Amino acid sequence: MAEYEKKVREVLKKNGCSFVRRGKGDHDIWHSPLTSGNFPVDSKIKSRHIANTIMKQSGIKHHF
């Protein structure tokens, strides 16, 4: 099973998203300048569907 967490974080950083704080459990809260909102990012992303959902929440047009 593929690990997407590193790839997701790289794409987020390239598109100007920034880490805000640690969330509950194993989630981090990130901020997107594209949507001007915050969104959660799991520290263990094993599904491309979850990775694509994070991209959608951040406003980045990138698909895995």
PDB file of N, CA and C in Angstrom:
ATOM      1  N   MET A   1       0.849  -1.187   0.000  1.00  0.00           N
ATOM      2  CA  MET A   1       0.000   0.000   0.000  1.00  0.00           C
ATOM      3  C   MET A   1       0.892   1.246   0.000  1.00  0.00           C
ATOM      4  N   ALA A   2       0.547   2.190  -0.803  1.00  0.00           N
ATOM      5  CA  ALA A   2       1.361   3.396  -0.956  1.00  0.00           C
ATOM      6  C   ALA A   2       1.181   4.351   0.218  1.00  0.00           C
ATOM      7  N   GLU A   3       2.225   5.070   0.518  1.00  0.00           N
ATOM      8  CA  GLU A   3       2.197   6.111   1.542  1.00  0.00           C
ATOM      9  C   GLU A   3       2.170   7.453   0.832  1.00  0.00           C
ATOM     10  N   TYR A   4       1.164   8.247   1.083  1.00  0.00           N
ATOM     11  CA  TYR A   4       0.991   9.520   0.388  1.00  0.00           C
ATOM     12  C   TYR A   4       1.353  10.731   1.241  1.00  0.00           C
ATOM     13  N   GLU A   5       1.611  10.546   2.534  1.00  0.00           N
ATOM     14  CA  GLU A   5       1.793  11.690   3.426  1.00  0.00           C
ATOM     15  C   GLU A   5       2.929  12.617   2.986  1.00  0.00           C
ATOM     16  N   LYS A   6       4.069  12.069   2.592  1.00  0.00           N
ATOM     17  CA  LYS A   6       5.204  12.889   2.185  1.00  0.00           C
ATOM     18  C   LYS A   6       4.890  13.642   0.887  1.00  0.00           C
ATOM     19  N   LYS A   7       4.265  12.952  -0.067  1.00  0.00           N
ATOM     20  CA  LYS A   7       3.909  13.577  -1.346  1.00  0.00           C
ATOM     21  C   LYS A   7       2.890  14.695  -1.141  1.00  0.00           C
ATOM     22  N   VAL A   8       1.907  14.460  -0.286  1.00  0.00           N
ATOM     23  CA  VAL A   8       0.873  15.461  -0.024  1.00  0.00           C
ATOM     24  C   VAL A   8       1.497  16.711   0.588  1.00  0.00           C
ATOM     25  N   ARG A   9       2.348  16.539   1.575  1.00  0.00           N
ATOM     26  CA  ARG A   9       2.980  17.688   2.232  1.00  0.00           C
ATOM     27  C   ARG A   9       3.874  18.473   1.261  1.00  0.00           C
ATOM     28  N   GLU A  10       4.560  17.777   0.350  1.00  0.00           N
ATOM     29  CA  GLU A  10       5.387  18.465  -0.646  1.00  0.00           C
ATOM     30  C   GLU A  10       4.533  19.325  -1.569  1.00  0.00           C
ATOM     31  N   VAL A  11       3.414  18.771  -2.041  1.00  0.00           N
ATOM     32  CA  VAL A  11       2.516  19.525  -2.925  1.00  0.00           C
ATOM     33  C   VAL A  11       1.918  20.719  -2.182  1.00  0.00           C
ATOM     34  N   LEU A  12       1.542  20.525  -0.928  1.00  0.00           N
ATOM     35  CA  LEU A  12       0.982  21.619  -0.139  1.00  0.00           C
ATOM     36  C   LEU A  12       1.990  22.759  -0.004  1.00  0.00           C
ATOM     37  N   LYS A  13       3.234  22.426   0.331  1.00  0.00           N
ATOM     38  CA  LYS A  13       4.270  23.450   0.512  1.00  0.00           C
ATOM     39  C   LYS A  13       4.570  24.182  -0.793  1.00  0.00           C
ATOM     40  N   LYS A  14       4.614  23.450  -1.913  1.00  0.00           N
ATOM     41  CA  LYS A  14       4.891  24.071  -3.219  1.00  0.00           C
ATOM     42  C   LYS A  14       3.812  25.070  -3.606  1.00  0.00           C
ATOM     43  N   ASN A  15       2.592  24.854  -3.112  1.00  0.00           N
ATOM     44  CA  ASN A  15       1.475  25.722  -3.460  1.00  0.00           C
ATOM     45  C   ASN A  15       1.187  26.779  -2.398  1.00  0.00           C
ATOM     46  N   GLY A  16       2.110  26.965  -1.465  1.00  0.00           N
ATOM     47  CA  GLY A  16       2.001  28.046  -0.495  1.00  0.00           C
ATOM     48  C   GLY A  16       1.226  27.730   0.765  1.00  0.00           C
ATOM     49  N   CYS A  17       0.811  26.499   0.947  1.00  0.00           N
ATOM     50  CA  CYS A  17       0.105  26.132   2.181  1.00  0.00           C
ATOM     51  C   CYS A  17       1.116  26.057   3.325  1.00  0.00           C
ATOM     52  N   SER A  18       0.646  26.331   4.530  1.00  0.00           N
ATOM     53  CA  SER A  18       1.557  26.351   5.672  1.00  0.00           C
ATOM     54  C   SER A  18       0.971  25.604   6.868  1.00  0.00           C
ATOM     55  N   PHE A  19       1.878  25.020   7.637  1.00  0.00           N
ATOM     56  CA  PHE A  19       1.507  24.323   8.861  1.00  0.00           C
ATOM     57  C   PHE A  19       1.065  25.352   9.896  1.00  0.00           C
ATOM     58  N   VAL A  20      -0.082  25.094  10.556  1.00  0.00           N
ATOM     59  CA  VAL A  20      -0.595  26.013  11.567  1.00  0.00           C
ATOM     60  C   VAL A  20      -0.308  25.476  12.963  1.00  0.00           C
ATOM     61  N   ARG A  21      -0.768  24.244  13.225  1.00  0.00           N
ATOM     62  CA  ARG A  21      -0.603  23.678  14.567  1.00  0.00           C
ATOM     63  C   ARG A  21      -0.909  22.192  14.542  1.00  0.00           C
ATOM     64  N   ARG A  22      -0.590  21.529  15.645  1.00  0.00           N
ATOM     65  CA  ARG A  22      -0.965  20.130  15.816  1.00  0.00           C
ATOM     66  C   ARG A  22      -2.446  20.070  16.156  1.00  0.00           C
ATOM     67  N   GLY A  23      -3.134  19.095  15.605  1.00  0.00           N
ATOM     68  CA  GLY A  23      -4.544  18.919  15.912  1.00  0.00           C
ATOM     69  C   GLY A  23      -4.726  17.761  16.875  1.00  0.00           C
ATOM     70  N   LYS A  24      -5.948  17.278  16.964  1.00  0.00           N
ATOM     71  CA  LYS A  24      -6.216  16.138  17.837  1.00  0.00           C
ATOM     72  C   LYS A  24      -5.702  14.850  17.194  1.00  0.00           C
ATOM     73  N   GLY A  25      -5.253  13.942  18.033  1.00  0.00           N
ATOM     74  CA  GLY A  25      -4.772  12.660  17.531  1.00  0.00           C
ATOM     75  C   GLY A  25      -3.526  12.838  16.694  1.00  0.00           C
ATOM     76  N   ASP A  26      -3.540  12.241  15.508  1.00  0.00           N
ATOM     77  CA  ASP A  26      -2.365  12.326  14.637  1.00  0.00           C
ATOM     78  C   ASP A  26      -2.616  13.237  13.436  1.00  0.00           C
ATOM     79  N   HIS A  27      -3.423  14.270  13.630  1.00  0.00           N
ATOM     80  CA  HIS A  27      -3.714  15.231  12.570  1.00  0.00           C
ATOM     81  C   HIS A  27      -2.967  16.546  12.804  1.00  0.00           C
ATOM     82  N   ASP A  28      -2.627  17.190  11.702  1.00  0.00           N
ATOM     83  CA  ASP A  28      -2.056  18.536  11.740  1.00  0.00           C
ATOM     84  C   ASP A  28      -3.049  19.471  11.064  1.00  0.00           C
ATOM     85  N   ILE A  29      -3.046  20.723  11.458  1.00  0.00           N
ATOM     86  CA  ILE A  29      -3.906  21.729  10.837  1.00  0.00           C
ATOM     87  C   ILE A  29      -3.028  22.584   9.934  1.00  0.00           C
ATOM     88  N   TRP A  30      -3.430  22.714   8.685  1.00  0.00           N
ATOM     89  CA  TRP A  30      -2.723  23.501   7.680  1.00  0.00           C
ATOM     90  C   TRP A  30      -3.623  24.628   7.208  1.00  0.00           C
ATOM     91  N   HIS A  31      -2.993  25.683   6.672  1.00  0.00           N
ATOM     92  CA  HIS A  31      -3.727  26.831   6.126  1.00  0.00           C
ATOM     93  C   HIS A  31      -3.443  26.949   4.631  1.00  0.00           C
ATOM     94  N   SER A  32      -4.511  27.193   3.852  1.00  0.00           N
ATOM     95  CA  SER A  32      -4.376  27.366   2.415  1.00  0.00           C
ATOM     96  C   SER A  32      -4.619  28.822   2.028  1.00  0.00           C
ATOM     97  N   PRO A  33      -3.656  29.445   1.332  1.00  0.00           N
ATOM     98  CA  PRO A  33      -3.878  30.813   0.854  1.00  0.00           C
ATOM     99  C   PRO A  33      -4.885  30.861  -0.295  1.00  0.00           C
ATOM    100  N   LEU A  34      -5.113  29.740  -0.952  1.00  0.00           N
ATOM    101  CA  LEU A  34      -6.056  29.687  -2.070  1.00  0.00           C
ATOM    102  C   LEU A  34      -7.503  29.783  -1.595  1.00  0.00           C
ATOM    103  N   THR A  35      -7.810  29.121  -0.478  1.00  0.00           N
ATOM    104  CA  THR A  35      -9.174  29.138   0.056  1.00  0.00           C
ATOM    105  C   THR A  35      -9.303  30.020   1.292  1.00  0.00           C
ATOM    106  N   SER A  36      -8.184  30.513   1.808  1.00  0.00           N
ATOM    107  CA  SER A  36      -8.132  31.301   3.050  1.00  0.00           C
ATOM    108  C   SER A  36      -8.738  30.541   4.231  1.00  0.00           C
ATOM    109  N   GLY A  37      -8.605  29.227   4.203  1.00  0.00           N
ATOM    110  CA  GLY A  37      -9.156  28.416   5.280  1.00  0.00           C
ATOM    111  C   GLY A  37      -8.162  27.385   5.776  1.00  0.00           C
ATOM    112  N   ASN A  38      -8.506  26.801   6.918  1.00  0.00           N
ATOM    113  CA  ASN A  38      -7.697  25.742   7.506  1.00  0.00           C
ATOM    114  C   ASN A  38      -8.314  24.388   7.194  1.00  0.00           C
ATOM    115  N   PHE A  39      -7.475  23.358   7.163  1.00  0.00           N
ATOM    116  CA  PHE A  39      -7.950  22.006   6.888  1.00  0.00           C
ATOM    117  C   PHE A  39      -7.035  21.003   7.588  1.00  0.00           C
ATOM    118  N   PRO A  40      -7.570  19.826   7.960  1.00  0.00           N
ATOM    119  CA  PRO A  40      -6.755  18.822   8.646  1.00  0.00           C
ATOM    120  C   PRO A  40      -5.987  17.948   7.655  1.00  0.00           C
ATOM    121  N   VAL A  41      -4.785  17.547   8.068  1.00  0.00           N
ATOM    122  CA  VAL A  41      -3.972  16.618   7.293  1.00  0.00           C
ATOM    123  C   VAL A  41      -3.542  15.499   8.230  1.00  0.00           C
ATOM    124  N   ASP A  42      -3.935  14.280   7.902  1.00  0.00           N
ATOM    125  CA  ASP A  42      -3.589  13.115   8.705  1.00  0.00           C
ATOM    126  C   ASP A  42      -2.108  12.809   8.542  1.00  0.00           C
ATOM    127  N   SER A  43      -1.479  12.286   9.571  1.00  0.00           N
ATOM    128  CA  SER A  43      -0.059  11.974   9.489  1.00  0.00           C
ATOM    129  C   SER A  43       0.200  10.622   8.825  1.00  0.00           C
ATOM    130  N   LYS A  44      -0.850   9.831   8.636  1.00  0.00           N
ATOM    131  CA  LYS A  44      -0.711   8.529   7.987  1.00  0.00           C
ATOM    132  C   LYS A  44      -1.726   8.421   6.857  1.00  0.00           C
ATOM    133  N   ILE A  45      -1.359   8.934   5.684  1.00  0.00           N
ATOM    134  CA  ILE A  45      -2.254   8.919   4.530  1.00  0.00           C
ATOM    135  C   ILE A  45      -1.902   7.706   3.681  1.00  0.00           C
ATOM    136  N   LYS A  46      -2.756   6.693   3.711  1.00  0.00           N
ATOM    137  CA  LYS A  46      -2.480   5.466   2.977  1.00  0.00           C
ATOM    138  C   LYS A  46      -3.376   5.291   1.756  1.00  0.00           C
ATOM    139  N   SER A  47      -4.363   6.145   1.607  1.00  0.00           N
ATOM    140  CA  SER A  47      -5.316   6.031   0.511  1.00  0.00           C
ATOM    141  C   SER A  47      -5.193   7.234  -0.423  1.00  0.00           C
ATOM    142  N   ARG A  48      -5.187   6.980  -1.726  1.00  0.00           N
ATOM    143  CA  ARG A  48      -5.119   8.103  -2.669  1.00  0.00           C
ATOM    144  C   ARG A  48      -6.396   8.912  -2.624  1.00  0.00           C
ATOM    145  N   HIS A  49      -7.506   8.290  -2.218  1.00  0.00           N
ATOM    146  CA  HIS A  49      -8.775   9.013  -2.099  1.00  0.00           C
ATOM    147  C   HIS A  49      -8.689  10.072  -0.996  1.00  0.00           C
ATOM    148  N   ILE A  50      -8.070   9.723   0.120  1.00  0.00           N
ATOM    149  CA  ILE A  50      -7.883  10.681   1.209  1.00  0.00           C
ATOM    150  C   ILE A  50      -6.920  11.781   0.763  1.00  0.00           C
ATOM    151  N   ALA A  51      -5.856  11.409   0.056  1.00  0.00           N
ATOM    152  CA  ALA A  51      -4.897  12.399  -0.449  1.00  0.00           C
ATOM    153  C   ALA A  51      -5.593  13.378  -1.388  1.00  0.00           C
ATOM    154  N   ASN A  52      -6.461  12.878  -2.262  1.00  0.00           N
ATOM    155  CA  ASN A  52      -7.191  13.745  -3.185  1.00  0.00           C
ATOM    156  C   ASN A  52      -8.194  14.632  -2.456  1.00  0.00           C
ATOM    157  N   THR A  53      -8.792  14.142  -1.384  1.00  0.00           N
ATOM    158  CA  THR A  53      -9.713  14.945  -0.582  1.00  0.00           C
ATOM    159  C   THR A  53      -8.973  16.113   0.067  1.00  0.00           C
ATOM    160  N   ILE A  54      -7.770  15.859   0.549  1.00  0.00           N
ATOM    161  CA  ILE A  54      -6.961  16.922   1.142  1.00  0.00           C
ATOM    162  C   ILE A  54      -6.633  17.978   0.089  1.00  0.00           C
ATOM    163  N   MET A  55      -6.289  17.534  -1.121  1.00  0.00           N
ATOM    164  CA  MET A  55      -6.003  18.479  -2.208  1.00  0.00           C
ATOM    165  C   MET A  55      -7.238  19.334  -2.514  1.00  0.00           C
ATOM    166  N   LYS A  56      -8.397  18.716  -2.512  1.00  0.00           N
ATOM    167  CA  LYS A  56      -9.642  19.440  -2.787  1.00  0.00           C
ATOM    168  C   LYS A  56      -9.923  20.470  -1.694  1.00  0.00           C
ATOM    169  N   GLN A  57      -9.720  20.078  -0.427  1.00  0.00           N
ATOM    170  CA  GLN A  57      -9.957  21.000   0.685  1.00  0.00           C
ATOM    171  C   GLN A  57      -8.998  22.182   0.655  1.00  0.00           C
ATOM    172  N   SER A  58      -7.789  21.948   0.132  1.00  0.00           N
ATOM    173  CA  SER A  58      -6.805  23.030   0.093  1.00  0.00           C
ATOM    174  C   SER A  58      -6.989  23.936  -1.125  1.00  0.00           C
ATOM    175  N   GLY A  59      -7.803  23.510  -2.080  1.00  0.00           N
ATOM    176  CA  GLY A  59      -8.038  24.310  -3.285  1.00  0.00           C
ATOM    177  C   GLY A  59      -6.999  24.073  -4.372  1.00  0.00           C
ATOM    178  N   ILE A  60      -6.165  23.051  -4.207  1.00  0.00           N
ATOM    179  CA  ILE A  60      -5.120  22.743  -5.177  1.00  0.00           C
ATOM    180  C   ILE A  60      -5.658  21.735  -6.195  1.00  0.00           C
ATOM    181  N   LYS A  61      -5.447  22.024  -7.466  1.00  0.00           N
ATOM    182  CA  LYS A  61      -5.907  21.123  -8.520  1.00  0.00           C
ATOM    183  C   LYS A  61      -4.789  20.128  -8.835  1.00  0.00           C
ATOM    184  N   HIS A  62      -4.672  19.120  -7.984  1.00  0.00           N
ATOM    185  CA  HIS A  62      -3.669  18.064  -8.138  1.00  0.00           C
ATOM    186  C   HIS A  62      -4.345  16.746  -7.770  1.00  0.00           C
ATOM    187  N   HIS A  63      -4.115  15.713  -8.590  1.00  0.00           N
ATOM    188  CA  HIS A  63      -4.717  14.407  -8.318  1.00  0.00           C
ATOM    189  C   HIS A  63      -3.630  13.339  -8.255  1.00  0.00           C
ATOM    190  N   PHE A  64      -3.787  12.430  -7.316  1.00  0.00           N
ATOM    191  CA  PHE A  64      -2.849  11.314  -7.178  1.00  0.00           C
ATOM    192  C   PHE A  64      -3.396  10.093  -7.872  1.00  0.00           C
TER     193      PHE A  64
END
